[in-house]
Amino acid sequence: MDHDEQRALARYADISTEAASFRLRAARLSLGLTQKEMADEVGAKPGSYSTYETGRVHPPLAVIRHLYRAYNIDFNFILYGDFRRLPADTQEPIFDALLELQSLEGRAEGSG
């Protein structure tokens, strides 16, 4: 995957809640965690955490801080789609998860 494809997949510079939620879901999936497990890790109720992944609100600072401190997933990626500060060993699973989510979204749109 070239740099332009990565930028498109990460929805680079898209600061909408929908784009942030897409990247947040990919980050969680790349870690192999369920929503409940991630909610527990960040000290949120599962229902509250779910609102971050559905694009109703941006993830709060506590979630972004946890992703950085525990998994080295930089806030620039979650909020802006800027993946340049992600370590190489973190980028690969995140891009795999982004591809999976994009595929699922495409199938959902095709069935509607």
N, C-alpha and C. Protein backbone atom coordinates (compact mmCIF):
# COMPACT_ATOMS: atom_id res chain seq x y z
N MET A 1 0.86 -1.17 0.00
CA MET A 1 0.00 0.00 0.00
C MET A 1 0.91 1.23 0.00
N ASP A 2 0.67 2.14 -0.94
CA ASP A 2 1.51 3.33 -0.99
C ASP A 2 0.98 4.42 -0.04
N HIS A 3 1.75 5.47 0.07
CA HIS A 3 1.45 6.54 1.02
C HIS A 3 0.09 7.18 0.75
N ASP A 4 -0.25 7.42 -0.51
CA ASP A 4 -1.54 8.03 -0.84
C ASP A 4 -2.70 7.11 -0.47
N GLU A 5 -2.52 5.81 -0.67
CA GLU A 5 -3.56 4.86 -0.28
C GLU A 5 -3.72 4.82 1.24
N GLN A 6 -2.61 4.91 1.95
CA GLN A 6 -2.68 4.95 3.41
C GLN A 6 -3.41 6.20 3.89
N ARG A 7 -3.08 7.33 3.28
CA ARG A 7 -3.76 8.58 3.67
C ARG A 7 -5.26 8.48 3.44
N ALA A 8 -5.65 7.92 2.30
CA ALA A 8 -7.08 7.79 2.01
C ALA A 8 -7.76 6.84 2.99
N LEU A 9 -7.12 5.73 3.27
CA LEU A 9 -7.69 4.74 4.17
C LEU A 9 -7.81 5.29 5.60
N ALA A 10 -6.82 6.04 6.03
CA ALA A 10 -6.83 6.62 7.38
C ALA A 10 -7.71 7.87 7.46
N ARG A 11 -8.26 8.26 6.31
CA ARG A 11 -9.10 9.47 6.24
C ARG A 11 -8.31 10.67 6.78
N TYR A 12 -7.11 10.79 6.26
CA TYR A 12 -6.17 11.82 6.68
C TYR A 12 -6.81 13.21 6.60
N ALA A 13 -6.66 13.98 7.64
CA ALA A 13 -7.12 15.37 7.78
C ALA A 13 -8.64 15.49 7.91
N ASP A 14 -9.34 14.38 7.98
CA ASP A 14 -10.78 14.41 8.24
C ASP A 14 -10.97 14.42 9.74
N ILE A 15 -11.45 15.53 10.28
CA ILE A 15 -11.58 15.67 11.73
C ILE A 15 -13.01 15.43 12.22
N SER A 16 -13.85 14.89 11.35
CA SER A 16 -15.23 14.63 11.75
C SER A 16 -15.29 13.53 12.81
N THR A 17 -16.38 13.52 13.55
CA THR A 17 -16.55 12.46 14.56
C THR A 17 -16.64 11.09 13.88
N GLU A 18 -17.21 11.05 12.67
CA GLU A 18 -17.30 9.77 11.95
C GLU A 18 -15.92 9.22 11.62
N ALA A 19 -15.04 10.08 11.16
CA ALA A 19 -13.68 9.63 10.81
C ALA A 19 -12.91 9.23 12.07
N ALA A 20 -13.04 10.01 13.14
CA ALA A 20 -12.36 9.66 14.39
C ALA A 20 -12.87 8.34 14.93
N SER A 21 -14.17 8.09 14.83
CA SER A 21 -14.73 6.84 15.33
C SER A 21 -14.25 5.65 14.49
N PHE A 22 -14.10 5.85 13.18
CA PHE A 22 -13.58 4.82 12.29
C PHE A 22 -12.15 4.44 12.70
N ARG A 23 -11.33 5.45 12.96
CA ARG A 23 -9.94 5.20 13.37
C ARG A 23 -9.88 4.59 14.77
N LEU A 24 -10.76 5.03 15.67
CA LEU A 24 -10.80 4.48 17.02
C LEU A 24 -11.18 3.00 16.98
N ARG A 25 -12.17 2.65 16.18
CA ARG A 25 -12.56 1.23 16.04
C ARG A 25 -11.39 0.42 15.50
N ALA A 26 -10.71 0.96 14.49
CA ALA A 26 -9.56 0.25 13.92
C ALA A 26 -8.47 0.05 14.96
N ALA A 27 -8.21 1.07 15.76
CA ALA A 27 -7.18 0.94 16.80
C ALA A 27 -7.56 -0.17 17.77
N ARG A 28 -8.81 -0.17 18.21
CA ARG A 28 -9.25 -1.20 19.15
C ARG A 28 -9.17 -2.60 18.52
N LEU A 29 -9.65 -2.73 17.29
CA LEU A 29 -9.60 -4.03 16.61
C LEU A 29 -8.16 -4.50 16.42
N SER A 30 -7.27 -3.57 16.12
CA SER A 30 -5.86 -3.96 15.94
C SER A 30 -5.25 -4.50 17.22
N LEU A 31 -5.83 -4.14 18.34
CA LEU A 31 -5.35 -4.61 19.64
C LEU A 31 -6.03 -5.90 20.06
N GLY A 32 -7.05 -6.31 19.31
CA GLY A 32 -7.77 -7.55 19.63
C GLY A 32 -8.69 -7.42 20.83
N LEU A 33 -9.18 -6.21 21.08
CA LEU A 33 -10.04 -5.97 22.24
C LEU A 33 -11.49 -5.79 21.82
N THR A 34 -12.41 -6.20 22.69
CA THR A 34 -13.83 -5.91 22.48
C THR A 34 -14.10 -4.49 22.98
N GLN A 35 -15.27 -3.97 22.65
CA GLN A 35 -15.64 -2.66 23.17
C GLN A 35 -15.68 -2.68 24.70
N LYS A 36 -16.22 -3.74 25.27
CA LYS A 36 -16.30 -3.83 26.73
C LYS A 36 -14.91 -3.85 27.36
N GLU A 37 -14.00 -4.61 26.77
CA GLU A 37 -12.64 -4.66 27.30
C GLU A 37 -11.98 -3.29 27.24
N MET A 38 -12.15 -2.59 26.12
CA MET A 38 -11.56 -1.25 26.00
C MET A 38 -12.22 -0.29 26.99
N ALA A 39 -13.54 -0.37 27.11
CA ALA A 39 -14.24 0.49 28.07
C ALA A 39 -13.69 0.25 29.48
N ASP A 40 -13.51 -1.01 29.84
CA ASP A 40 -12.96 -1.34 31.16
C ASP A 40 -11.56 -0.74 31.33
N GLU A 41 -10.74 -0.85 30.29
CA GLU A 41 -9.37 -0.32 30.36
C GLU A 41 -9.35 1.19 30.59
N VAL A 42 -10.27 1.90 29.95
CA VAL A 42 -10.25 3.37 30.04
C VAL A 42 -11.15 3.89 31.15
N GLY A 43 -11.82 2.96 31.87
CA GLY A 43 -12.67 3.37 32.98
C GLY A 43 -13.98 3.99 32.54
N ALA A 44 -14.50 3.56 31.41
CA ALA A 44 -15.78 4.07 30.91
C ALA A 44 -16.83 2.98 30.95
N LYS A 45 -18.08 3.39 30.99
CA LYS A 45 -19.17 2.43 30.86
C LYS A 45 -19.21 1.98 29.41
N PRO A 46 -19.54 0.71 29.16
CA PRO A 46 -19.59 0.23 27.77
C PRO A 46 -20.49 1.08 26.88
N GLY A 47 -21.62 1.52 27.39
CA GLY A 47 -22.52 2.36 26.59
C GLY A 47 -21.89 3.70 26.23
N SER A 48 -21.15 4.26 27.17
CA SER A 48 -20.46 5.53 26.89
C SER A 48 -19.37 5.32 25.86
N TYR A 49 -18.59 4.24 26.04
CA TYR A 49 -17.52 3.98 25.08
C TYR A 49 -18.09 3.76 23.68
N SER A 50 -19.21 3.10 23.61
CA SER A 50 -19.85 2.83 22.32
C SER A 50 -20.14 4.13 21.56
N THR A 51 -20.50 5.19 22.28
CA THR A 51 -20.79 6.46 21.60
C THR A 51 -19.56 7.03 20.91
N TYR A 52 -18.37 6.71 21.40
CA TYR A 52 -17.14 7.19 20.76
C TYR A 52 -16.92 6.46 19.44
N GLU A 53 -17.29 5.19 19.41
CA GLU A 53 -17.07 4.38 18.20
C GLU A 53 -18.20 4.50 17.19
N THR A 54 -19.31 5.06 17.57
CA THR A 54 -20.41 5.23 16.62
C THR A 54 -20.41 6.62 16.00
N GLY A 55 -19.50 7.47 16.42
CA GLY A 55 -19.38 8.78 15.81
C GLY A 55 -20.33 9.82 16.37
N ARG A 56 -20.96 9.52 17.49
CA ARG A 56 -21.85 10.52 18.08
C ARG A 56 -21.07 11.64 18.77
N VAL A 57 -19.91 11.28 19.33
CA VAL A 57 -19.04 12.26 19.97
C VAL A 57 -17.58 11.87 19.72
N HIS A 58 -16.70 12.84 19.81
CA HIS A 58 -15.27 12.54 19.72
C HIS A 58 -14.85 11.80 20.99
N PRO A 59 -13.86 10.92 20.88
CA PRO A 59 -13.39 10.26 22.09
C PRO A 59 -12.76 11.28 23.04
N PRO A 60 -13.01 11.12 24.34
CA PRO A 60 -12.45 12.08 25.30
C PRO A 60 -10.95 11.89 25.48
N LEU A 61 -10.35 12.88 26.09
CA LEU A 61 -8.92 12.88 26.34
C LEU A 61 -8.47 11.63 27.08
N ALA A 62 -9.26 11.14 28.02
CA ALA A 62 -8.87 9.95 28.79
C ALA A 62 -8.67 8.74 27.88
N VAL A 63 -9.51 8.58 26.88
CA VAL A 63 -9.39 7.46 25.95
C VAL A 63 -8.15 7.63 25.09
N ILE A 64 -7.96 8.83 24.57
CA ILE A 64 -6.82 9.11 23.70
C ILE A 64 -5.51 8.96 24.47
N ARG A 65 -5.49 9.45 25.69
CA ARG A 65 -4.30 9.32 26.53
C ARG A 65 -3.99 7.85 26.81
N HIS A 66 -5.01 7.07 27.10
CA HIS A 66 -4.81 5.64 27.37
C HIS A 66 -4.22 4.94 26.15
N LEU A 67 -4.76 5.21 24.97
CA LEU A 67 -4.25 4.57 23.76
C LEU A 67 -2.77 4.89 23.55
N TYR A 68 -2.40 6.11 23.86
CA TYR A 68 -1.00 6.50 23.68
C TYR A 68 -0.10 5.84 24.73
N ARG A 69 -0.51 5.95 25.98
CA ARG A 69 0.34 5.44 27.06
C ARG A 69 0.43 3.91 27.08
N ALA A 70 -0.67 3.25 26.79
CA ALA A 70 -0.67 1.78 26.86
C ALA A 70 -0.23 1.12 25.57
N TYR A 71 -0.50 1.78 24.42
CA TYR A 71 -0.28 1.11 23.13
C TYR A 71 0.50 1.94 22.12
N ASN A 72 0.94 3.13 22.51
CA ASN A 72 1.71 4.00 21.63
C ASN A 72 0.95 4.39 20.35
N ILE A 73 -0.38 4.49 20.49
CA ILE A 73 -1.22 4.97 19.38
C ILE A 73 -1.43 6.45 19.59
N ASP A 74 -0.80 7.23 18.75
CA ASP A 74 -0.73 8.68 18.89
C ASP A 74 -2.08 9.35 18.65
N PHE A 75 -2.36 10.42 19.40
CA PHE A 75 -3.62 11.15 19.26
C PHE A 75 -3.78 11.72 17.86
N ASN A 76 -2.68 12.03 17.19
CA ASN A 76 -2.77 12.57 15.83
C ASN A 76 -3.44 11.58 14.88
N PHE A 77 -3.23 10.30 15.13
CA PHE A 77 -3.89 9.30 14.30
C PHE A 77 -5.39 9.27 14.58
N ILE A 78 -5.77 9.19 15.84
CA ILE A 78 -7.19 9.08 16.18
C ILE A 78 -7.95 10.32 15.73
N LEU A 79 -7.43 11.49 16.01
CA LEU A 79 -8.18 12.72 15.72
C LEU A 79 -8.05 13.22 14.29
N TYR A 80 -6.90 12.98 13.66
CA TYR A 80 -6.64 13.59 12.34
C TYR A 80 -6.28 12.59 11.25
N GLY A 81 -6.07 11.34 11.60
CA GLY A 81 -5.68 10.35 10.60
C GLY A 81 -4.22 10.43 10.21
N ASP A 82 -3.42 11.15 11.01
CA ASP A 82 -2.00 11.29 10.73
C ASP A 82 -1.27 10.11 11.37
N PHE A 83 -0.84 9.18 10.54
CA PHE A 83 -0.26 7.94 11.02
C PHE A 83 1.27 7.98 11.08
N ARG A 84 1.88 9.11 10.74
CA ARG A 84 3.34 9.18 10.66
C ARG A 84 4.04 8.94 11.99
N ARG A 85 3.38 9.21 13.10
CA ARG A 85 4.01 9.02 14.41
C ARG A 85 3.73 7.64 15.02
N LEU A 86 2.97 6.84 14.30
CA LEU A 86 2.73 5.48 14.78
C LEU A 86 3.96 4.62 14.52
N PRO A 87 4.41 3.84 15.48
CA PRO A 87 5.53 2.95 15.23
C PRO A 87 5.17 1.96 14.11
N ALA A 88 6.16 1.52 13.38
CA ALA A 88 5.94 0.62 12.25
C ALA A 88 5.20 -0.64 12.68
N ASP A 89 5.53 -1.19 13.85
CA ASP A 89 4.86 -2.42 14.28
C ASP A 89 3.42 -2.17 14.72
N THR A 90 3.05 -0.92 14.90
CA THR A 90 1.67 -0.55 15.22
C THR A 90 0.89 -0.25 13.95
N GLN A 91 1.57 0.32 12.96
CA GLN A 91 0.89 0.70 11.72
C GLN A 91 0.28 -0.49 11.00
N GLU A 92 1.03 -1.57 10.87
CA GLU A 92 0.54 -2.71 10.09
C GLU A 92 -0.80 -3.26 10.60
N PRO A 93 -0.91 -3.58 11.89
CA PRO A 93 -2.22 -4.09 12.35
C PRO A 93 -3.33 -3.05 12.27
N ILE A 94 -2.99 -1.77 12.44
CA ILE A 94 -4.03 -0.74 12.33
C ILE A 94 -4.52 -0.64 10.89
N PHE A 95 -3.61 -0.66 9.92
CA PHE A 95 -4.04 -0.60 8.53
C PHE A 95 -4.81 -1.85 8.13
N ASP A 96 -4.45 -2.99 8.66
CA ASP A 96 -5.23 -4.21 8.42
C ASP A 96 -6.66 -4.02 8.94
N ALA A 97 -6.79 -3.46 10.14
CA ALA A 97 -8.11 -3.23 10.72
C ALA A 97 -8.88 -2.18 9.93
N LEU A 98 -8.20 -1.12 9.47
CA LEU A 98 -8.86 -0.11 8.64
C LEU A 98 -9.41 -0.73 7.36
N LEU A 99 -8.62 -1.60 6.74
CA LEU A 99 -9.08 -2.28 5.52
C LEU A 99 -10.30 -3.15 5.82
N GLU A 100 -10.27 -3.86 6.92
CA GLU A 100 -11.40 -4.71 7.30
C GLU A 100 -12.65 -3.87 7.53
N LEU A 101 -12.51 -2.78 8.26
CA LEU A 101 -13.66 -1.91 8.51
C LEU A 101 -14.20 -1.29 7.23
N GLN A 102 -13.31 -0.88 6.36
CA GLN A 102 -13.73 -0.30 5.08
C GLN A 102 -14.52 -1.33 4.27
N SER A 103 -14.04 -2.57 4.28
CA SER A 103 -14.72 -3.64 3.58
C SER A 103 -16.11 -3.88 4.17
N LEU A 104 -16.20 -3.90 5.48
CA LEU A 104 -17.50 -4.09 6.15
C LEU A 104 -18.46 -2.95 5.83
N GLU A 105 -17.95 -1.73 5.81
CA GLU A 105 -18.79 -0.58 5.47
C GLU A 105 -19.29 -0.67 4.04
N GLY A 106 -18.40 -1.11 3.15
CA GLY A 106 -18.79 -1.25 1.75
C GLY A 106 -19.88 -2.29 1.57
N ARG A 107 -19.77 -3.41 2.29
CA ARG A 107 -20.79 -4.45 2.21
C ARG A 107 -22.11 -3.96 2.80
N ALA A 108 -22.03 -3.19 3.89
CA ALA A 108 -23.26 -2.68 4.51
C ALA A 108 -23.96 -1.70 3.59
N GLU A 109 -23.19 -0.84 2.91
CA GLU A 109 -23.79 0.11 1.98
C GLU A 109 -24.40 -0.61 0.78
N GLY A 110 -23.76 -1.67 0.34
CA GLY A 110 -24.26 -2.42 -0.80
C GLY A 110 -25.53 -3.19 -0.51
N SER A 111 -25.75 -3.52 0.77
CA SER A 111 -26.94 -4.29 1.12
C SER A 111 -28.13 -3.41 1.46
N GLY A 112 -27.87 -2.08 1.55
CA GLY A 112 -28.97 -1.17 1.96
C GLY A 112 -29.72 -0.72 0.82
